[in-house]
Amino acid sequence: MKKRLLILGSLREFIQLIETAKARGYYTIVVDGYKNSEGKAHADKSYDIPPGNIDEIARLCKEEQVDGIITSFSDYLFECMVKIAAKAGLKCYFSPDKLDLYRNKYKMKKMLDQLGIATPHFTTVNRDFPDQALDGFAFPVVVKPLDKYGSRGVLVLDSVQQVRQHFDYVCETSDIKELLVEEYHDGYEFNMMTWILDGQVHVLSIADREKTSIGTQEIPISTRNVYPSRLIDHVIDEARQVLQKTVEYTGQRSGPLSMQFFWKPGTPVSVCEIAGRFFGYEHELVEYCSGLAVEELLLDYVYQEGELRKRLSAHSPYFSRCCAVLYFHGKNGMVVDDQSQAEKLAGLPGVKEYWAFYEKGEEIVPHGKNPYVVRYYITCKDREEADRLTREIFHNIAVLSPLGENVLYEDRMPGYPD
């Protein structure tokens, strides 16, 4: 009988997962709350049900005789999948009773403290916190909601008074009316994706996560992620050990696990966040650099564990090519008009893929449906070539408003130690 797989999520990031599942002969049922989204056009069947409707989707799994469920690229979808799988009796690599360890930022930080893992100094505060609650903190600090994702509501603030002033803004869309406050770490930042197999951490990739300050209280914007990291030898062993301690504590025996962390010379790896999924908008770079498609791993986990073991044993995070994703963020409220220059740069040698997220006449909404204005994937023979191509795009990029203004923030490249 044909396998019947429910895929939770249908935006553009999920198309390759859907198509890969169909190529394997699986019947694909795609579910989320986005009507007429791109992924649903590729699936065998789809339903417009918000992922948070756990009971309804669990019933659907039984009605459709679903024998597997998978998702990725989103913390919220990961949480919903874990709950749906438990209700529907489907295989899943994590359990609902442990979700807070990955989904509640404060409980995650407490876990790291308990395990002796470095993380920026932190606390939580409620609406009426006393000034002394932040005694001993070195400013600036990062403030964020406890239960959101995608950098929503995250600010960098310089005083107790600013934390108090921006409390309601940060908590605006949060179900938990408390803030996580942590000291700002000025070290190099990294994204690491791994797969857990038999409780052991297998590193798939480590990337340099480069950022640019835009001169506001928003955290610096993510502007380029480069694979493999220029500093991989400095961090890979310690970062792997950090996640090994984590999975031994959470009980995760299989499945994807990702980590954002900081490091600078002379200091330990310091964890920002840990997530039970792959990174969206950059997991493709693992395939471009190494040939390993994370979609294959996700599907192997559900149905073909033997193949999963073979892929992991053949993989190395030391890639022979250098690949990067370049992100361009837009200024709030500006209207997109002329994208011809951005489109022209997509024709440069080394540009693998180009995405424009806005149509002409659309207004830019940060942290809305479109996470960026423009994105490029580049693939190069080495880091030197990738840096050269990046500089060329950074220097020449423009998306214009009807008044001829550039709606994009300027991206800049960081320096690295020799």
Protein backbone atom coordinates (compact mmCIF):
# COMPACT_ATOMS: atom_id res chain seq x y z
CA MET A 1 0.00 0.00 0.00
CA LYS A 2 1.24 3.48 -0.86
CA LYS A 3 2.69 5.45 2.07
CA ARG A 4 0.49 8.38 3.09
CA LEU A 5 2.55 11.26 4.46
CA LEU A 6 1.21 14.41 6.10
CA ILE A 7 3.51 17.40 5.60
CA LEU A 8 2.81 20.27 7.98
CA GLY A 9 3.60 23.48 6.06
CA SER A 10 3.05 24.62 2.49
CA LEU A 11 5.05 27.77 1.80
CA ARG A 12 7.79 27.90 -0.81
CA GLU A 13 10.36 26.28 1.48
CA PHE A 14 8.33 23.06 1.50
CA ILE A 15 8.09 22.52 -2.24
CA GLN A 16 11.28 20.44 -2.47
CA LEU A 17 10.17 18.29 0.47
CA ILE A 18 6.81 17.67 -1.19
CA GLU A 19 8.33 16.91 -4.58
CA THR A 20 10.96 14.59 -3.09
CA ALA A 21 8.26 12.67 -1.21
CA LYS A 22 6.20 12.30 -4.38
CA ALA A 23 9.27 11.15 -6.33
CA ARG A 24 9.66 8.37 -3.77
CA GLY A 25 6.09 7.28 -4.43
CA TYR A 26 4.50 8.65 -1.25
CA TYR A 27 1.01 10.11 -1.27
CA THR A 28 1.44 13.66 0.05
CA ILE A 29 -1.16 15.48 2.15
CA VAL A 30 -0.17 19.07 2.93
CA VAL A 31 -1.78 20.99 5.78
CA ASP A 32 -1.56 24.55 7.09
CA GLY A 33 -3.65 27.70 7.24
CA TYR A 34 -2.39 29.36 4.04
CA LYS A 35 -4.96 29.17 1.26
CA ASN A 36 -3.64 28.70 -2.27
CA SER A 37 -0.01 28.62 -1.09
CA GLU A 38 2.65 27.41 -3.51
CA GLY A 39 3.33 24.07 -1.84
CA LYS A 40 -0.29 22.97 -1.94
CA ALA A 41 -0.27 23.11 -5.73
CA HIS A 42 2.46 20.42 -5.70
CA ALA A 43 0.80 18.04 -3.21
CA ASP A 44 -1.57 15.16 -3.96
CA LYS A 45 -4.05 16.62 -1.49
CA SER A 46 -4.19 19.64 0.81
CA TYR A 47 -6.22 21.11 3.64
CA ASP A 48 -6.51 24.70 4.87
CA ILE A 49 -6.30 24.04 8.61
CA PRO A 50 -4.17 26.22 10.92
CA PRO A 51 -1.41 24.04 12.43
CA GLY A 52 -2.48 25.00 15.96
CA ASN A 53 -5.75 23.07 15.52
CA ILE A 54 -4.10 19.98 16.98
CA ASP A 55 -7.20 17.86 17.57
CA GLU A 56 -8.65 18.58 14.14
CA ILE A 57 -5.44 17.65 12.33
CA ALA A 58 -4.99 14.54 14.48
CA ARG A 59 -8.51 13.44 13.45
CA LEU A 60 -7.63 14.17 9.84
CA CYS A 61 -4.59 11.90 10.12
CA LYS A 62 -6.83 9.02 11.11
CA GLU A 63 -9.48 9.78 8.49
CA GLU A 64 -6.83 9.96 5.74
CA GLN A 65 -5.03 6.87 7.08
CA VAL A 66 -1.80 8.85 7.42
CA ASP A 67 1.16 6.69 8.43
CA GLY A 68 3.81 9.43 8.71
CA ILE A 69 4.12 13.10 9.59
CA ILE A 70 6.98 15.56 9.10
CA THR A 71 7.76 19.26 9.04
CA SER A 72 10.75 21.58 9.39
CA PHE A 73 12.07 25.15 9.01
CA SER A 74 9.74 26.63 11.68
CA ASP A 75 9.75 26.38 15.48
CA TYR A 76 5.98 26.75 15.58
CA LEU A 77 5.40 23.99 13.02
CA PHE A 78 7.83 21.76 14.94
CA GLU A 79 5.81 22.28 18.13
CA CYS A 80 2.52 21.57 16.37
CA MET A 81 3.88 18.45 14.65
CA VAL A 82 5.06 17.01 17.97
CA LYS A 83 1.61 17.51 19.52
CA ILE A 84 -0.27 16.18 16.47
CA ALA A 85 1.93 13.08 16.24
CA ALA A 86 1.31 12.28 19.90
CA LYS A 87 -2.47 12.64 19.46
CA ALA A 88 -2.54 10.61 16.24
CA GLY A 89 -0.12 7.91 17.40
CA LEU A 90 2.45 8.69 14.72
CA LYS A 91 6.23 8.37 14.87
CA CYS A 92 7.96 11.55 16.05
CA TYR A 93 11.47 12.34 17.24
CA PHE A 94 10.36 14.48 20.20
CA SER A 95 7.70 14.38 22.91
CA PRO A 96 5.17 17.04 23.97
CA ASP A 97 6.20 16.95 27.64
CA LYS A 98 9.71 18.18 26.75
CA LEU A 99 8.70 20.89 24.25
CA ASP A 100 9.34 23.79 26.63
CA LEU A 101 13.05 22.92 26.68
CA TYR A 102 13.26 23.96 23.02
CA ARG A 103 10.30 26.36 22.76
CA ASN A 104 10.33 28.42 25.96
CA LYS A 105 13.43 30.58 25.87
CA TYR A 106 13.69 30.95 29.65
CA LYS A 107 13.37 27.22 30.32
CA MET A 108 15.94 26.58 27.60
CA LYS A 109 18.36 28.98 29.28
CA LYS A 110 17.75 27.34 32.66
CA MET A 111 18.53 23.97 31.10
CA LEU A 112 21.79 25.32 29.69
CA ASP A 113 22.73 26.73 33.11
CA GLN A 114 21.98 23.41 34.76
CA LEU A 115 24.18 21.60 32.24
CA GLY A 116 27.06 24.04 32.70
CA ILE A 117 26.77 25.30 29.12
CA ALA A 118 27.76 28.92 28.51
CA THR A 119 24.97 31.30 27.51
CA PRO A 120 24.71 35.08 27.85
CA HIS A 121 23.74 36.23 31.37
CA PHE A 122 19.92 36.31 31.50
CA THR A 123 16.79 36.77 33.56
CA THR A 124 13.08 37.31 33.03
CA VAL A 125 11.04 40.34 34.07
CA ASN A 126 7.33 41.07 34.22
CA ARG A 127 5.54 44.34 33.49
CA ASP A 128 6.17 45.89 36.92
CA PHE A 129 9.73 44.73 37.51
CA PRO A 130 11.88 46.74 39.98
CA ASP A 131 15.04 48.41 38.72
CA GLN A 132 17.21 46.11 40.86
CA ALA A 133 15.97 43.11 38.84
CA LEU A 134 18.66 44.04 36.30
CA ASP A 135 21.42 44.80 38.80
CA GLY A 136 24.65 43.21 37.63
CA PHE A 137 23.72 43.28 33.95
CA ALA A 138 26.15 44.83 31.48
CA PHE A 139 24.31 46.93 28.91
CA PRO A 140 23.35 46.76 26.09
CA VAL A 141 20.96 43.88 26.61
CA VAL A 142 18.79 41.90 24.21
CA VAL A 143 15.11 41.65 25.15
CA LYS A 144 12.78 39.14 23.52
CA PRO A 145 9.41 37.42 24.09
CA LEU A 146 9.61 33.96 25.64
CA ASP A 147 7.54 32.11 23.07
CA LYS A 148 8.05 33.70 19.63
CA TYR A 149 10.47 33.10 16.77
CA GLY A 150 11.86 34.73 13.63
CA SER A 151 13.33 37.70 15.58
CA ARG A 152 9.83 39.05 16.28
CA GLY A 153 9.84 41.62 19.05
CA VAL A 154 13.59 41.35 19.68
CA LEU A 155 15.36 44.60 20.59
CA VAL A 156 18.79 45.74 21.77
CA LEU A 157 18.40 48.25 24.61
CA ASP A 158 20.81 50.40 26.60
CA SER A 159 19.16 50.94 29.97
CA VAL A 160 16.63 49.73 32.52
CA GLN A 161 14.40 52.61 31.48
CA GLN A 162 14.41 51.47 27.84
CA VAL A 163 13.49 47.91 28.86
CA ARG A 164 10.53 49.29 30.81
CA GLN A 165 9.57 51.64 27.96
CA HIS A 166 9.50 48.87 25.33
CA PHE A 167 7.96 46.11 27.47
CA ASP A 168 4.50 46.23 25.86
CA TYR A 169 5.92 46.34 22.32
CA VAL A 170 8.07 43.25 22.87
CA CYS A 171 5.18 41.32 24.47
CA GLU A 172 2.56 42.54 22.01
CA THR A 173 2.07 39.23 20.16
CA SER A 174 3.24 36.92 22.95
CA ASP A 175 1.03 34.69 25.07
CA ILE A 176 3.46 35.08 27.99
CA LYS A 177 3.63 38.61 29.37
CA GLU A 178 7.23 38.37 30.48
CA LEU A 179 10.48 39.32 28.79
CA LEU A 180 13.70 37.41 28.52
CA VAL A 181 16.58 39.83 29.12
CA GLU A 182 20.12 38.76 28.26
CA GLU A 183 23.44 40.50 27.81
CA TYR A 184 24.38 41.30 24.22
CA HIS A 185 27.18 39.06 22.95
CA ASP A 186 29.52 40.81 20.51
CA GLY A 187 31.34 37.70 19.30
CA TYR A 188 31.13 35.87 15.98
CA GLU A 189 27.80 34.14 15.43
CA PHE A 190 27.23 30.70 13.94
CA ASN A 191 24.40 28.48 12.70
CA MET A 192 24.88 24.75 13.18
CA MET A 193 22.59 22.03 11.83
CA THR A 194 22.86 18.47 13.10
CA TRP A 195 21.04 15.16 13.00
CA ILE A 196 20.62 13.08 16.13
CA LEU A 197 20.88 9.32 15.55
CA ASP A 198 20.75 6.81 18.39
CA GLY A 199 21.19 9.75 20.74
CA GLN A 200 24.47 10.84 19.11
CA VAL A 201 25.04 14.22 17.45
CA HIS A 202 26.12 14.19 13.81
CA VAL A 203 27.16 17.65 12.57
CA LEU A 204 25.79 18.42 9.11
CA SER A 205 27.01 22.00 8.77
CA ILE A 206 28.38 25.06 10.54
CA ALA A 207 27.92 28.48 8.94
CA ASP A 208 29.11 31.98 9.69
CA ARG A 209 25.99 34.03 10.48
CA GLU A 210 26.94 37.57 9.50
CA LYS A 211 24.92 40.61 10.60
CA THR A 212 24.70 44.34 9.95
CA SER A 213 23.53 46.99 12.40
CA ILE A 214 20.85 49.26 10.95
CA GLY A 215 21.23 51.96 13.59
CA THR A 216 17.95 51.29 15.39
CA GLN A 217 16.97 49.36 18.51
CA GLU A 218 16.25 46.31 16.35
CA ILE A 219 18.84 43.58 16.63
CA PRO A 220 21.38 43.67 13.78
CA ILE A 221 19.84 42.17 10.65
CA SER A 222 21.06 38.86 9.27
CA THR A 223 22.79 39.70 6.00
CA ARG A 224 24.84 36.65 4.95
CA ASN A 225 25.23 33.03 6.05
CA VAL A 226 28.33 31.34 4.64
CA TYR A 227 28.98 27.58 4.41
CA PRO A 228 31.29 26.19 5.64
CA SER A 229 32.26 28.54 8.46
CA ARG A 230 35.64 30.19 8.14
CA LEU A 231 36.13 29.40 11.85
CA ILE A 232 34.80 25.83 11.86
CA ASP A 233 37.98 24.33 13.32
CA HIS A 234 37.75 26.66 16.32
CA VAL A 235 34.20 25.69 17.29
CA ILE A 236 33.09 22.32 15.91
CA ASP A 237 34.23 20.03 18.73
CA GLU A 238 32.93 22.22 21.54
CA ALA A 239 29.65 22.96 19.73
CA ARG A 240 29.07 19.25 19.15
CA GLN A 241 29.70 18.54 22.85
CA VAL A 242 27.17 21.24 23.81
CA LEU A 243 24.42 19.58 21.78
CA GLN A 244 25.45 16.14 23.02
CA LYS A 245 24.88 17.29 26.60
CA THR A 246 21.57 18.79 25.51
CA VAL A 247 20.13 15.65 23.88
CA GLU A 248 21.21 13.51 26.80
CA TYR A 249 19.16 15.83 29.00
CA THR A 250 16.09 16.16 26.72
CA GLY A 251 16.05 12.49 25.72
CA GLN A 252 16.02 13.21 21.98
CA ARG A 253 17.22 10.07 20.22
CA SER A 254 16.73 11.04 16.58
CA GLY A 255 15.76 13.93 14.32
CA PRO A 256 17.10 17.36 13.38
CA LEU A 257 18.53 19.76 15.94
CA SER A 258 19.95 23.20 15.18
CA MET A 259 21.82 25.73 17.27
CA GLN A 260 22.72 29.40 17.01
CA PHE A 261 25.79 30.21 19.08
CA PHE A 262 28.53 32.78 19.65
CA TRP A 263 32.29 32.51 19.98
CA LYS A 264 35.27 34.81 20.11
CA PRO A 265 38.95 33.98 20.70
CA GLY A 266 39.69 33.09 24.30
CA THR A 267 36.07 32.40 25.28
CA PRO A 268 33.88 29.27 25.25
CA VAL A 269 31.08 28.62 22.80
CA SER A 270 28.03 30.51 24.12
CA VAL A 271 24.57 29.31 23.10
CA CYS A 272 21.93 31.70 21.80
CA GLU A 273 19.14 29.24 20.97
CA ILE A 274 18.53 25.56 20.20
CA ALA A 275 15.73 24.43 17.86
CA GLY A 276 14.25 21.05 16.95
CA ARG A 277 14.25 21.66 13.18
CA PHE A 278 16.45 22.74 10.28
CA PHE A 279 17.00 26.41 9.45
CA GLY A 280 14.65 27.75 6.81
CA TYR A 281 16.00 29.78 3.87
CA GLU A 282 19.48 28.30 4.17
CA HIS A 283 19.28 24.51 4.49
CA GLU A 284 19.56 24.41 0.67
CA LEU A 285 23.19 25.49 1.00
CA VAL A 286 24.09 22.17 2.58
CA GLU A 287 22.95 20.47 -0.61
CA TYR A 288 24.71 22.99 -2.87
CA CYS A 289 28.00 22.51 -1.00
CA SER A 290 27.92 18.79 -0.27
CA GLY A 291 25.12 17.12 -2.23
CA LEU A 292 23.23 16.15 0.95
CA ALA A 293 19.57 17.26 0.80
CA VAL A 294 18.01 17.63 4.23
CA GLU A 295 14.65 16.71 2.69
CA GLU A 296 16.05 13.22 2.11
CA LEU A 297 17.02 12.95 5.78
CA LEU A 298 13.56 14.01 6.93
CA LEU A 299 11.86 11.44 4.71
CA ASP A 300 14.39 8.72 5.56
CA TYR A 301 13.60 9.27 9.23
CA VAL A 302 9.91 8.57 8.65
CA TYR A 303 10.20 5.57 6.36
CA GLN A 304 13.77 4.44 5.55
CA GLU A 305 16.08 4.53 8.56
CA GLY A 306 18.66 2.34 6.84
CA GLU A 307 19.15 4.98 4.14
CA LEU A 308 19.39 7.66 6.83
CA ARG A 309 22.31 5.84 8.43
CA LYS A 310 24.10 5.53 5.09
CA ARG A 311 23.72 9.22 4.29
CA LEU A 312 25.00 10.33 7.68
CA SER A 313 28.02 8.02 7.59
CA ALA A 314 29.03 9.39 4.16
CA HIS A 315 28.66 13.07 5.07
CA SER A 316 31.27 15.58 6.27
CA PRO A 317 30.64 19.19 7.40
CA TYR A 318 33.96 20.19 5.76
CA PHE A 319 32.56 21.11 2.36
CA SER A 320 34.69 21.26 -0.79
CA ARG A 321 32.81 24.32 -2.11
CA CYS A 322 31.75 27.60 -0.51
CA CYS A 323 28.11 28.66 -0.68
CA ALA A 324 26.21 31.54 0.88
CA VAL A 325 22.79 33.08 1.17
CA LEU A 326 22.57 36.88 0.96
CA TYR A 327 19.60 38.57 2.62
CA PHE A 328 18.38 42.08 1.89
CA HIS A 329 15.90 43.64 4.32
CA GLY A 330 13.56 46.50 3.53
CA LYS A 331 12.64 49.65 5.41
CA ASN A 332 9.29 49.57 7.15
CA GLY A 333 6.42 51.11 5.17
CA MET A 334 8.32 51.79 1.95
CA VAL A 335 6.71 50.69 -1.32
CA VAL A 336 8.50 48.44 -3.81
CA ASP A 337 8.54 49.72 -7.39
CA ASP A 338 11.63 49.08 -9.58
CA GLN A 339 13.53 45.81 -8.97
CA SER A 340 15.40 45.75 -12.27
CA GLN A 341 18.85 46.27 -10.72
CA ALA A 342 18.36 43.41 -8.27
CA GLU A 343 17.17 41.20 -11.14
CA LYS A 344 20.20 42.17 -13.24
CA LEU A 345 22.59 41.04 -10.46
CA ALA A 346 20.90 37.64 -10.48
CA GLY A 347 22.65 37.04 -13.82
CA LEU A 348 26.16 37.27 -12.34
CA PRO A 349 28.28 34.10 -12.58
CA GLY A 350 28.01 32.23 -9.29
CA VAL A 351 24.44 33.27 -8.47
CA LYS A 352 22.58 30.00 -8.09
CA GLU A 353 19.13 31.34 -7.27
CA TYR A 354 17.36 34.67 -6.81
CA TRP A 355 14.11 35.32 -4.97
CA ALA A 356 12.15 38.58 -4.93
CA PHE A 357 9.60 38.46 -2.11
CA TYR A 358 7.55 41.54 -3.01
CA GLU A 359 5.53 42.49 -6.07
CA LYS A 360 5.55 45.98 -7.53
CA GLY A 361 3.33 48.27 -5.46
CA GLU A 362 3.52 46.22 -2.26
CA GLU A 363 4.41 47.87 1.04
CA ILE A 364 7.27 46.44 3.10
CA VAL A 365 6.19 44.90 6.41
CA PRO A 366 9.12 43.67 8.56
CA HIS A 367 8.46 40.29 10.22
CA GLY A 368 5.36 39.88 8.07
CA LYS A 369 4.60 37.21 5.47
CA ASN A 370 7.74 38.12 3.52
CA PRO A 371 10.87 37.82 5.69
CA TYR A 372 13.08 39.72 3.23
CA VAL A 373 12.81 41.85 0.11
CA VAL A 374 15.46 40.04 -1.94
CA ARG A 375 17.55 36.93 -1.43
CA TYR A 376 20.41 35.39 -3.44
CA TYR A 377 22.03 31.97 -3.19
CA ILE A 378 25.62 31.93 -4.44
CA THR A 379 27.91 28.97 -5.03
CA CYS A 380 31.66 29.40 -5.47
CA LYS A 381 34.83 27.33 -5.56
CA ASP A 382 36.19 28.87 -2.34
CA ARG A 383 35.67 31.55 0.31
CA GLU A 384 37.74 34.16 -1.54
CA GLU A 385 35.52 33.92 -4.61
CA ALA A 386 32.36 33.98 -2.45
CA ASP A 387 33.56 37.14 -0.68
CA ARG A 388 34.34 38.85 -3.99
CA LEU A 389 30.90 38.07 -5.42
CA THR A 390 29.22 39.15 -2.18
CA ARG A 391 30.99 42.52 -2.25
CA GLU A 392 29.92 43.07 -5.84
CA ILE A 393 26.27 42.40 -5.02
CA PHE A 394 26.36 44.43 -1.78
CA HIS A 395 27.86 47.40 -3.65
CA ASN A 396 25.42 47.38 -6.57
CA ILE A 397 22.10 46.16 -5.13
CA ALA A 398 19.08 48.45 -5.29
CA VAL A 399 15.31 48.11 -5.12
CA LEU A 400 13.66 51.47 -5.72
CA SER A 401 10.49 53.07 -4.42
CA PRO A 402 8.17 55.11 -6.70
CA LEU A 403 10.20 58.18 -5.61
CA GLY A 404 13.49 56.54 -6.65
CA GLU A 405 14.70 55.84 -3.10
CA ASN A 406 16.46 52.56 -2.28
CA VAL A 407 14.08 50.65 0.00
CA LEU A 408 16.86 48.29 1.17
CA TYR A 409 19.09 48.59 4.21
CA GLU A 410 22.80 48.53 3.36
CA ASP A 411 24.51 45.18 4.02
CA ARG A 412 28.13 45.11 5.18
CA MET A 413 30.68 42.33 5.63
CA PRO A 414 32.50 41.75 8.94
CA GLY A 415 36.21 41.26 9.50
CA TYR A 416 37.69 37.95 10.69
CA PRO A 417 40.80 37.05 12.69
CA ASP A 418 43.77 35.89 10.61
